[in-house]
Amino acid sequence: MKILIVNGPNLNLLGKREPEIYGNETLSDIELWLSKKSEAKNHEILWFQSNHEGEIIDKIHGAIDIFDGIIINPGAFTHYSYAIRDAISAVNIPTVEVHLSDIKSREDFRKVSVTKDVCVKQISGKGIDVYLEGVHFLNNLPTL
């Protein structure tokens, strides 16, 4: 299985940005950690991060006929990017939305996800384990 993992704005600052909320691991640390997990070892996983909405949309569009699943942490775009929502819907690739923190227990604006309804699952509040759980979920989809 080929999985695209897309990370949105400010996730390049993981490990530095509010570690009490997002943890001490950098995005590179998470990538290395996941690559060592048995659930992920038999898959081709491509990681992508951008602070720019259009680049994220282009990457999602480019996944057509290449990737079997997408894991996306849209960051702040979760709460207002109908364009990313439309891109996820348009490509028709099973997509799991993930968040390191529990967005439902944070500020009111963070509780709203405009992307979750076009995703097959939303996972939040489990730290870096959300990525592993996303891979596990995609592994167990009957259509993949």
Protein backbone atom coordinates (compact mmCIF):
# COMPACT_ATOMS: atom_id res chain seq x y z
CA MET A 1 0.00 0.00 0.00
CA LYS A 2 1.15 3.50 -0.80
CA ILE A 3 0.22 6.13 1.78
CA LEU A 4 0.62 9.89 1.52
CA ILE A 5 0.96 11.70 4.84
CA VAL A 6 0.21 15.41 4.51
CA ASN A 7 0.98 17.88 7.28
CA GLY A 8 -0.29 21.43 7.22
CA PRO A 9 0.82 24.79 8.56
CA ASN A 10 3.11 25.14 11.54
CA LEU A 11 3.73 21.40 11.81
CA ASN A 12 7.27 22.10 10.64
CA LEU A 13 7.70 23.65 14.10
CA LEU A 14 6.80 20.51 16.04
CA GLY A 15 9.16 19.99 18.94
CA LYS A 16 9.49 23.76 19.37
CA ARG A 17 5.92 25.02 19.17
CA GLU A 18 3.96 24.55 22.40
CA PRO A 19 5.49 21.18 23.34
CA GLU A 20 3.07 20.91 26.25
CA ILE A 21 0.29 20.60 23.65
CA TYR A 22 1.99 19.03 20.64
CA GLY A 23 4.86 17.09 22.24
CA ASN A 24 8.62 17.27 21.96
CA GLU A 25 9.02 15.25 18.76
CA THR A 26 9.81 16.99 15.50
CA LEU A 27 8.08 15.97 12.29
CA SER A 28 11.30 14.15 11.31
CA ASP A 29 11.25 12.31 14.65
CA ILE A 30 7.67 11.20 14.00
CA GLU A 31 8.54 10.05 10.48
CA LEU A 32 11.47 7.97 11.75
CA TRP A 33 9.40 6.57 14.65
CA LEU A 34 6.57 5.52 12.31
CA SER A 35 8.97 3.93 9.80
CA LYS A 36 10.13 1.53 12.54
CA LYS A 37 6.60 0.36 13.41
CA SER A 38 5.61 -3.04 12.02
CA GLU A 39 2.27 -1.63 10.77
CA ALA A 40 4.13 0.77 8.50
CA LYS A 41 7.14 -1.29 7.39
CA ASN A 42 5.43 -2.99 4.45
CA HIS A 43 4.12 0.23 2.98
CA GLU A 44 5.55 2.96 0.85
CA ILE A 45 4.92 6.14 2.82
CA LEU A 46 5.59 9.63 1.50
CA TRP A 47 5.63 12.52 3.97
CA PHE A 48 4.79 16.06 2.90
CA GLN A 49 4.48 19.30 4.87
CA SER A 50 3.53 22.75 3.71
CA ASN A 51 2.39 26.00 5.23
CA HIS A 52 0.63 26.85 1.96
CA GLU A 53 -2.93 25.78 1.18
CA GLY A 54 -2.41 25.56 -2.57
CA GLU A 55 0.62 23.30 -2.21
CA ILE A 56 -1.40 20.94 0.00
CA ILE A 57 -4.22 20.89 -2.55
CA ASP A 58 -1.76 20.20 -5.38
CA LYS A 59 -0.23 17.32 -3.40
CA ILE A 60 -3.65 15.80 -2.74
CA HIS A 61 -4.59 16.13 -6.41
CA GLY A 62 -1.30 14.52 -7.40
CA ALA A 63 -2.14 11.46 -5.29
CA ILE A 64 -4.74 10.25 -7.81
CA ASP A 65 -3.81 6.84 -9.24
CA ILE A 66 -0.61 6.81 -7.15
CA PHE A 67 -1.64 6.49 -3.49
CA ASP A 68 -4.04 4.04 -1.87
CA GLY A 69 -4.64 6.16 1.22
CA ILE A 70 -3.97 9.57 2.71
CA ILE A 71 -3.37 10.63 6.28
CA ILE A 72 -3.75 14.36 6.74
CA ASN A 73 -3.06 16.67 9.64
CA PRO A 74 -4.42 19.88 8.12
CA GLY A 75 -3.36 22.00 11.10
CA ALA A 76 -5.27 25.27 11.22
CA PHE A 77 -6.71 24.56 7.76
CA THR A 78 -8.90 21.97 9.51
CA HIS A 79 -11.16 24.75 10.73
CA TYR A 80 -11.78 26.73 7.56
CA SER A 81 -10.32 25.29 4.36
CA TYR A 82 -13.20 24.27 2.16
CA ALA A 83 -10.66 24.09 -0.66
CA ILE A 84 -8.74 21.28 1.09
CA ARG A 85 -12.06 19.63 1.94
CA ASP A 86 -13.03 19.73 -1.74
CA ALA A 87 -9.64 18.34 -2.79
CA ILE A 88 -10.00 15.38 -0.40
CA SER A 89 -13.50 14.74 -1.69
CA ALA A 90 -12.47 15.08 -5.34
CA VAL A 91 -9.64 12.53 -5.34
CA ASN A 92 -11.79 9.76 -3.85
CA ILE A 93 -8.87 8.27 -1.90
CA PRO A 94 -9.62 7.02 1.63
CA THR A 95 -8.34 9.79 3.89
CA VAL A 96 -7.83 9.81 7.66
CA GLU A 97 -7.72 13.19 9.42
CA VAL A 98 -5.35 13.27 12.41
CA HIS A 99 -4.48 15.76 15.15
CA LEU A 100 -1.85 15.39 17.85
CA SER A 101 -3.95 17.28 20.39
CA ASP A 102 -7.59 16.70 21.30
CA ILE A 103 -9.24 19.38 19.19
CA LYS A 104 -12.60 18.77 20.90
CA SER A 105 -11.24 19.91 24.27
CA ARG A 106 -9.48 23.04 23.05
CA GLU A 107 -10.62 26.52 22.00
CA ASP A 108 -14.08 26.70 20.42
CA PHE A 109 -12.74 27.45 16.95
CA ARG A 110 -10.55 24.32 17.06
CA LYS A 111 -13.54 22.07 17.76
CA VAL A 112 -14.87 22.59 14.24
CA SER A 113 -13.45 20.51 11.40
CA VAL A 114 -14.67 21.29 7.91
CA THR A 115 -12.62 18.38 6.52
CA LYS A 116 -13.70 15.49 8.76
CA ASP A 117 -16.93 14.72 6.90
CA VAL A 118 -15.03 13.87 3.70
CA CYS A 119 -12.56 11.68 5.60
CA VAL A 120 -13.16 8.04 6.49
CA LYS A 121 -12.05 8.68 10.07
CA GLN A 122 -10.84 11.43 12.41
CA ILE A 123 -8.28 10.61 15.12
CA SER A 124 -7.14 13.19 17.67
CA GLY A 125 -5.66 13.62 21.11
CA LYS A 126 -3.23 10.70 21.12
CA GLY A 127 0.00 12.49 20.30
CA ILE A 128 2.18 10.85 17.67
CA ASP A 129 0.15 7.65 17.93
CA VAL A 130 -2.48 9.27 15.70
CA TYR A 131 -0.24 8.58 12.70
CA LEU A 132 0.17 4.91 13.61
CA GLU A 133 -3.55 4.56 14.25
CA GLY A 134 -4.20 6.17 10.86
CA VAL A 135 -1.95 3.62 9.13
CA HIS A 136 -3.66 0.83 11.08
CA PHE A 137 -7.09 2.08 10.03
CA LEU A 138 -6.10 2.28 6.35
CA ASN A 139 -4.57 -1.22 6.59
CA ASN A 140 -7.90 -2.60 7.70
CA LEU A 141 -10.17 -0.94 5.15
CA PRO A 142 -11.74 -3.69 3.06
CA THR A 143 -11.38 -1.71 -0.18
CA LEU A 144 -7.60 -1.25 0.00
